[in-house]
Amino acid sequence: IYWKTPKGDPRFMPTVVQRTKFRFGKDRPWTREFYMQNFPGKNVVPAIVEPLKQWSFFRGDR
């Protein structure tokens, strides 16, 4: 939550300003590096992951 209106004041409607989309990478969500990647007001570009054409490792039990 980046910003919240004061409670108990009839002049303000209950409003919360927060980010809805995050970019998750190698950093944990509670670290400063994660905060800097998802800085308030910064446009978050989703990471594009291409599918593997040659699946050469263990696929699991079939």
PDB file of N, CA and C in Angstrom:
ATOM      1  N   ILE A   1       0.859  -1.174   0.000  1.00  0.00           N
ATOM      2  CA  ILE A   1       0.000   0.000   0.000  1.00  0.00           C
ATOM      3  C   ILE A   1       0.896   1.226   0.000  1.00  0.00           C
ATOM      4  N   TYR A   2       0.681   2.100  -0.967  1.00  0.00           N
ATOM      5  CA  TYR A   2       1.488   3.304  -1.069  1.00  0.00           C
ATOM      6  C   TYR A   2       0.841   4.479  -0.343  1.00  0.00           C
ATOM      7  N   TRP A   3      -0.477   4.531  -0.372  1.00  0.00           N
ATOM      8  CA  TRP A   3      -1.156   5.661   0.239  1.00  0.00           C
ATOM      9  C   TRP A   3      -2.567   5.243   0.623  1.00  0.00           C
ATOM     10  N   LYS A   4      -3.017   5.711   1.784  1.00  0.00           N
ATOM     11  CA  LYS A   4      -4.348   5.384   2.280  1.00  0.00           C
ATOM     12  C   LYS A   4      -4.953   6.643   2.892  1.00  0.00           C
ATOM     13  N   THR A   5      -6.252   6.868   2.683  1.00  0.00           N
ATOM     14  CA  THR A   5      -6.903   8.047   3.251  1.00  0.00           C
ATOM     15  C   THR A   5      -7.046   7.891   4.760  1.00  0.00           C
ATOM     16  N   PRO A   6      -7.103   9.004   5.487  1.00  0.00           N
ATOM     17  CA  PRO A   6      -7.239   8.925   6.940  1.00  0.00           C
ATOM     18  C   PRO A   6      -8.588   8.321   7.350  1.00  0.00           C
ATOM     19  N   LYS A   7      -8.565   7.511   8.398  1.00  0.00           N
ATOM     20  CA  LYS A   7      -9.795   6.897   8.899  1.00  0.00           C
ATOM     21  C   LYS A   7     -10.501   7.845   9.859  1.00  0.00           C
ATOM     22  N   GLY A   8     -11.815   7.779   9.862  1.00  0.00           N
ATOM     23  CA  GLY A   8     -12.603   8.546  10.809  1.00  0.00           C
ATOM     24  C   GLY A   8     -12.836   9.992  10.405  1.00  0.00           C
ATOM     25  N   ASP A   9     -12.347  10.413   9.246  1.00  0.00           N
ATOM     26  CA  ASP A   9     -12.557  11.786   8.784  1.00  0.00           C
ATOM     27  C   ASP A   9     -13.635  11.753   7.700  1.00  0.00           C
ATOM     28  N   PRO A  10     -14.800  12.374   7.935  1.00  0.00           N
ATOM     29  CA  PRO A  10     -15.895  12.274   6.967  1.00  0.00           C
ATOM     30  C   PRO A  10     -15.632  13.017   5.656  1.00  0.00           C
ATOM     31  N   ARG A  11     -14.585  13.807   5.583  1.00  0.00           N
ATOM     32  CA  ARG A  11     -14.289  14.544   4.350  1.00  0.00           C
ATOM     33  C   ARG A  11     -13.700  13.652   3.263  1.00  0.00           C
ATOM     34  N   PHE A  12     -13.185  12.484   3.638  1.00  0.00           N
ATOM     35  CA  PHE A  12     -12.489  11.630   2.684  1.00  0.00           C
ATOM     36  C   PHE A  12     -13.225  10.313   2.483  1.00  0.00           C
ATOM     37  N   MET A  13     -13.327   9.899   1.225  1.00  0.00           N
ATOM     38  CA  MET A  13     -13.844   8.571   0.903  1.00  0.00           C
ATOM     39  C   MET A  13     -12.735   7.561   1.184  1.00  0.00           C
ATOM     40  N   PRO A  14     -13.073   6.351   1.629  1.00  0.00           N
ATOM     41  CA  PRO A  14     -12.025   5.353   1.874  1.00  0.00           C
ATOM     42  C   PRO A  14     -11.379   4.911   0.554  1.00  0.00           C
ATOM     43  N   THR A  15     -10.135   5.298   0.360  1.00  0.00           N
ATOM     44  CA  THR A  15      -9.409   5.013  -0.869  1.00  0.00           C
ATOM     45  C   THR A  15      -8.031   4.473  -0.534  1.00  0.00           C
ATOM     46  N   VAL A  16      -7.566   3.515  -1.339  1.00  0.00           N
ATOM     47  CA  VAL A  16      -6.228   2.954  -1.181  1.00  0.00           C
ATOM     48  C   VAL A  16      -5.542   3.003  -2.541  1.00  0.00           C
ATOM     49  N   VAL A  17      -4.333   3.556  -2.579  1.00  0.00           N
ATOM     50  CA  VAL A  17      -3.538   3.585  -3.801  1.00  0.00           C
ATOM     51  C   VAL A  17      -2.445   2.543  -3.656  1.00  0.00           C
ATOM     52  N   GLN A  18      -2.442   1.560  -4.553  1.00  0.00           N
ATOM     53  CA  GLN A  18      -1.442   0.506  -4.478  1.00  0.00           C
ATOM     54  C   GLN A  18      -1.202  -0.069  -5.869  1.00  0.00           C
ATOM     55  N   ARG A  19      -0.080  -0.715  -6.028  1.00  0.00           N
ATOM     56  CA  ARG A  19       0.256  -1.359  -7.299  1.00  0.00           C
ATOM     57  C   ARG A  19      -0.470  -2.696  -7.375  1.00  0.00           C
ATOM     58  N   THR A  20      -0.965  -3.022  -8.579  1.00  0.00           N
ATOM     59  CA  THR A  20      -1.672  -4.287  -8.748  1.00  0.00           C
ATOM     60  C   THR A  20      -0.820  -5.325  -9.469  1.00  0.00           C
ATOM     61  N   LYS A  21       0.142  -4.881 -10.283  1.00  0.00           N
ATOM     62  CA  LYS A  21       0.998  -5.810 -11.012  1.00  0.00           C
ATOM     63  C   LYS A  21       2.438  -5.618 -10.565  1.00  0.00           C
ATOM     64  N   PHE A  22       3.078  -6.706 -10.197  1.00  0.00           N
ATOM     65  CA  PHE A  22       4.466  -6.686  -9.761  1.00  0.00           C
ATOM     66  C   PHE A  22       5.306  -7.501 -10.723  1.00  0.00           C
ATOM     67  N   ARG A  23       6.600  -7.199 -10.765  1.00  0.00           N
ATOM     68  CA  ARG A  23       7.533  -8.021 -11.519  1.00  0.00           C
ATOM     69  C   ARG A  23       8.339  -8.823 -10.510  1.00  0.00           C
ATOM     70  N   PHE A  24       8.195 -10.139 -10.566  1.00  0.00           N
ATOM     71  CA  PHE A  24       8.905 -11.017  -9.653  1.00  0.00           C
ATOM     72  C   PHE A  24      10.131 -11.562 -10.358  1.00  0.00           C
ATOM     73  N   GLY A  25      11.290 -11.372  -9.745  1.00  0.00           N
ATOM     74  CA  GLY A  25      12.545 -11.848 -10.310  1.00  0.00           C
ATOM     75  C   GLY A  25      13.284 -12.697  -9.299  1.00  0.00           C
ATOM     76  N   LYS A  26      14.590 -12.466  -9.193  1.00  0.00           N
ATOM     77  CA  LYS A  26      15.419 -13.238  -8.270  1.00  0.00           C
ATOM     78  C   LYS A  26      15.310 -12.742  -6.836  1.00  0.00           C
ATOM     79  N   ASP A  27      14.848 -11.519  -6.639  1.00  0.00           N
ATOM     80  CA  ASP A  27      14.835 -10.908  -5.312  1.00  0.00           C
ATOM     81  C   ASP A  27      13.544 -11.232  -4.564  1.00  0.00           C
ATOM     82  N   ARG A  28      13.658 -11.377  -3.247  1.00  0.00           N
ATOM     83  CA  ARG A  28      12.503 -11.653  -2.399  1.00  0.00           C
ATOM     84  C   ARG A  28      11.639 -10.401  -2.271  1.00  0.00           C
ATOM     85  N   PRO A  29      10.303 -10.548  -2.108  1.00  0.00           N
ATOM     86  CA  PRO A  29       9.418  -9.389  -2.048  1.00  0.00           C
ATOM     87  C   PRO A  29       9.676  -8.447  -0.876  1.00  0.00           C
ATOM     88  N   TRP A  30      10.341  -8.885   0.183  1.00  0.00           N
ATOM     89  CA  TRP A  30      10.582  -8.009   1.332  1.00  0.00           C
ATOM     90  C   TRP A  30      11.939  -7.311   1.259  1.00  0.00           C
ATOM     91  N   THR A  31      12.697  -7.467   0.170  1.00  0.00           N
ATOM     92  CA  THR A  31      14.014  -6.841   0.063  1.00  0.00           C
ATOM     93  C   THR A  31      13.940  -5.493  -0.632  1.00  0.00           C
ATOM     94  N   ARG A  32      14.983  -4.725  -0.459  1.00  0.00           N
ATOM     95  CA  ARG A  32      15.073  -3.405  -1.077  1.00  0.00           C
ATOM     96  C   ARG A  32      15.215  -3.500  -2.596  1.00  0.00           C
ATOM     97  N   GLU A  33      15.894  -4.532  -3.092  1.00  0.00           N
ATOM     98  CA  GLU A  33      16.069  -4.701  -4.530  1.00  0.00           C
ATOM     99  C   GLU A  33      14.718  -4.915  -5.226  1.00  0.00           C
ATOM    100  N   PHE A  34      13.835  -5.695  -4.588  1.00  0.00           N
ATOM    101  CA  PHE A  34      12.491  -5.900  -5.136  1.00  0.00           C
ATOM    102  C   PHE A  34      11.732  -4.580  -5.159  1.00  0.00           C
ATOM    103  N   TYR A  35      11.867  -3.794  -4.105  1.00  0.00           N
ATOM    104  CA  TYR A  35      11.196  -2.494  -4.037  1.00  0.00           C
ATOM    105  C   TYR A  35      11.689  -1.569  -5.143  1.00  0.00           C
ATOM    106  N   MET A  36      12.997  -1.594  -5.413  1.00  0.00           N
ATOM    107  CA  MET A  36      13.552  -0.720  -6.445  1.00  0.00           C
ATOM    108  C   MET A  36      13.106  -1.163  -7.843  1.00  0.00           C
ATOM    109  N   GLN A  37      12.926  -2.455  -8.065  1.00  0.00           N
ATOM    110  CA  GLN A  37      12.425  -2.927  -9.360  1.00  0.00           C
ATOM    111  C   GLN A  37      10.954  -2.574  -9.545  1.00  0.00           C
ATOM    112  N   ASN A  38      10.190  -2.537  -8.465  1.00  0.00           N
ATOM    113  CA  ASN A  38       8.763  -2.233  -8.503  1.00  0.00           C
ATOM    114  C   ASN A  38       8.487  -0.895  -7.830  1.00  0.00           C
ATOM    115  N   PHE A  39       9.323   0.085  -8.100  1.00  0.00           N
ATOM    116  CA  PHE A  39       9.232   1.401  -7.475  1.00  0.00           C
ATOM    117  C   PHE A  39       7.870   2.034  -7.768  1.00  0.00           C
ATOM    118  N   PRO A  40       7.255   2.725  -6.815  1.00  0.00           N
ATOM    119  CA  PRO A  40       5.962   3.362  -7.055  1.00  0.00           C
ATOM    120  C   PRO A  40       6.039   4.355  -8.213  1.00  0.00           C
ATOM    121  N   GLY A  41       5.122   4.245  -9.151  1.00  0.00           N
ATOM    122  CA  GLY A  41       5.090   5.126 -10.305  1.00  0.00           C
ATOM    123  C   GLY A  41       5.902   4.619 -11.486  1.00  0.00           C
ATOM    124  N   LYS A  42       6.652   3.553 -11.304  1.00  0.00           N
ATOM    125  CA  LYS A  42       7.473   3.001 -12.380  1.00  0.00           C
ATOM    126  C   LYS A  42       6.640   2.001 -13.180  1.00  0.00           C
ATOM    127  N   ASN A  43       6.708   2.102 -14.513  1.00  0.00           N
ATOM    128  CA  ASN A  43       5.999   1.145 -15.360  1.00  0.00           C
ATOM    129  C   ASN A  43       6.738  -0.179 -15.330  1.00  0.00           C
ATOM    130  N   VAL A  44       6.014  -1.236 -15.038  1.00  0.00           N
ATOM    131  CA  VAL A  44       6.608  -2.561 -14.942  1.00  0.00           C
ATOM    132  C   VAL A  44       6.331  -3.305 -16.242  1.00  0.00           C
ATOM    133  N   VAL A  45       7.400  -3.650 -16.964  1.00  0.00           N
ATOM    134  CA  VAL A  45       7.274  -4.394 -18.207  1.00  0.00           C
ATOM    135  C   VAL A  45       7.362  -5.883 -17.874  1.00  0.00           C
ATOM    136  N   PRO A  46       6.385  -6.684 -18.293  1.00  0.00           N
ATOM    137  CA  PRO A  46       6.446  -8.107 -17.962  1.00  0.00           C
ATOM    138  C   PRO A  46       7.602  -8.793 -18.683  1.00  0.00           C
ATOM    139  N   ALA A  47       8.220  -9.736 -18.007  1.00  0.00           N
ATOM    140  CA  ALA A  47       9.314 -10.500 -18.599  1.00  0.00           C
ATOM    141  C   ALA A  47       8.719 -11.545 -19.540  1.00  0.00           C
ATOM    142  N   ILE A  48       9.195 -11.549 -20.773  1.00  0.00           N
ATOM    143  CA  ILE A  48       8.683 -12.482 -21.772  1.00  0.00           C
ATOM    144  C   ILE A  48       9.547 -13.735 -21.746  1.00  0.00           C
ATOM    145  N   VAL A  49       8.908 -14.867 -21.549  1.00  0.00           N
ATOM    146  CA  VAL A  49       9.604 -16.148 -21.499  1.00  0.00           C
ATOM    147  C   VAL A  49       9.203 -16.941 -22.736  1.00  0.00           C
ATOM    148  N   GLU A  50      10.199 -17.299 -23.543  1.00  0.00           N
ATOM    149  CA  GLU A  50       9.922 -18.059 -24.760  1.00  0.00           C
ATOM    150  C   GLU A  50       9.867 -19.549 -24.436  1.00  0.00           C
ATOM    151  N   PRO A  51       8.978 -20.295 -25.125  1.00  0.00           N
ATOM    152  CA  PRO A  51       8.902 -21.735 -24.875  1.00  0.00           C
ATOM    153  C   PRO A  51      10.141 -22.453 -25.412  1.00  0.00           C
ATOM    154  N   LEU A  52      10.476 -23.572 -24.789  1.00  0.00           N
ATOM    155  CA  LEU A  52      11.622 -24.369 -25.230  1.00  0.00           C
ATOM    156  C   LEU A  52      11.219 -25.235 -26.416  1.00  0.00           C
ATOM    157  N   LYS A  53      12.023 -25.210 -27.477  1.00  0.00           N
ATOM    158  CA  LYS A  53      11.738 -26.044 -28.649  1.00  0.00           C
ATOM    159  C   LYS A  53      12.228 -27.468 -28.428  1.00  0.00           C
ATOM    160  N   GLN A  54      13.395 -27.616 -27.831  1.00  0.00           N
ATOM    161  CA  GLN A  54      13.983 -28.928 -27.575  1.00  0.00           C
ATOM    162  C   GLN A  54      13.979 -29.165 -26.072  1.00  0.00           C
ATOM    163  N   TRP A  55      13.079 -30.005 -25.594  1.00  0.00           N
ATOM    164  CA  TRP A  55      12.967 -30.292 -24.168  1.00  0.00           C
ATOM    165  C   TRP A  55      13.867 -31.487 -23.882  1.00  0.00           C
ATOM    166  N   SER A  56      15.104 -31.222 -23.436  1.00  0.00           N
ATOM    167  CA  SER A  56      16.101 -32.280 -23.339  1.00  0.00           C
ATOM    168  C   SER A  56      16.350 -32.761 -21.910  1.00  0.00           C
ATOM    169  N   PHE A  57      15.528 -32.394 -20.948  1.00  0.00           N
ATOM    170  CA  PHE A  57      15.740 -32.851 -19.583  1.00  0.00           C
ATOM    171  C   PHE A  57      14.499 -33.570 -19.068  1.00  0.00           C
ATOM    172  N   PHE A  58      14.581 -34.108 -17.870  1.00  0.00           N
ATOM    173  CA  PHE A  58      13.562 -34.980 -17.288  1.00  0.00           C
ATOM    174  C   PHE A  58      12.184 -34.326 -17.289  1.00  0.00           C
ATOM    175  N   ARG A  59      11.209 -34.997 -17.868  1.00  0.00           N
ATOM    176  CA  ARG A  59       9.855 -34.469 -17.972  1.00  0.00           C
ATOM    177  C   ARG A  59       8.972 -34.861 -16.797  1.00  0.00           C
ATOM    178  N   GLY A  60       9.416 -35.795 -16.002  1.00  0.00           N
ATOM    179  CA  GLY A  60       8.601 -36.236 -14.879  1.00  0.00           C
ATOM    180  C   GLY A  60       8.030 -37.618 -15.131  1.00  0.00           C
ATOM    181  N   ASP A  61       7.266 -38.108 -14.189  1.00  0.00           N
ATOM    182  CA  ASP A  61       6.657 -39.429 -14.320  1.00  0.00           C
ATOM    183  C   ASP A  61       5.456 -39.354 -15.255  1.00  0.00           C
ATOM    184  N   ARG A  62       5.336 -40.357 -16.082  1.00  0.00           N
ATOM    185  CA  ARG A  62       4.199 -40.380 -17.006  1.00  0.00           C
ATOM    186  C   ARG A  62       3.304 -41.539 -16.723  1.00  0.00           C
TER     187      ARG A  62
END
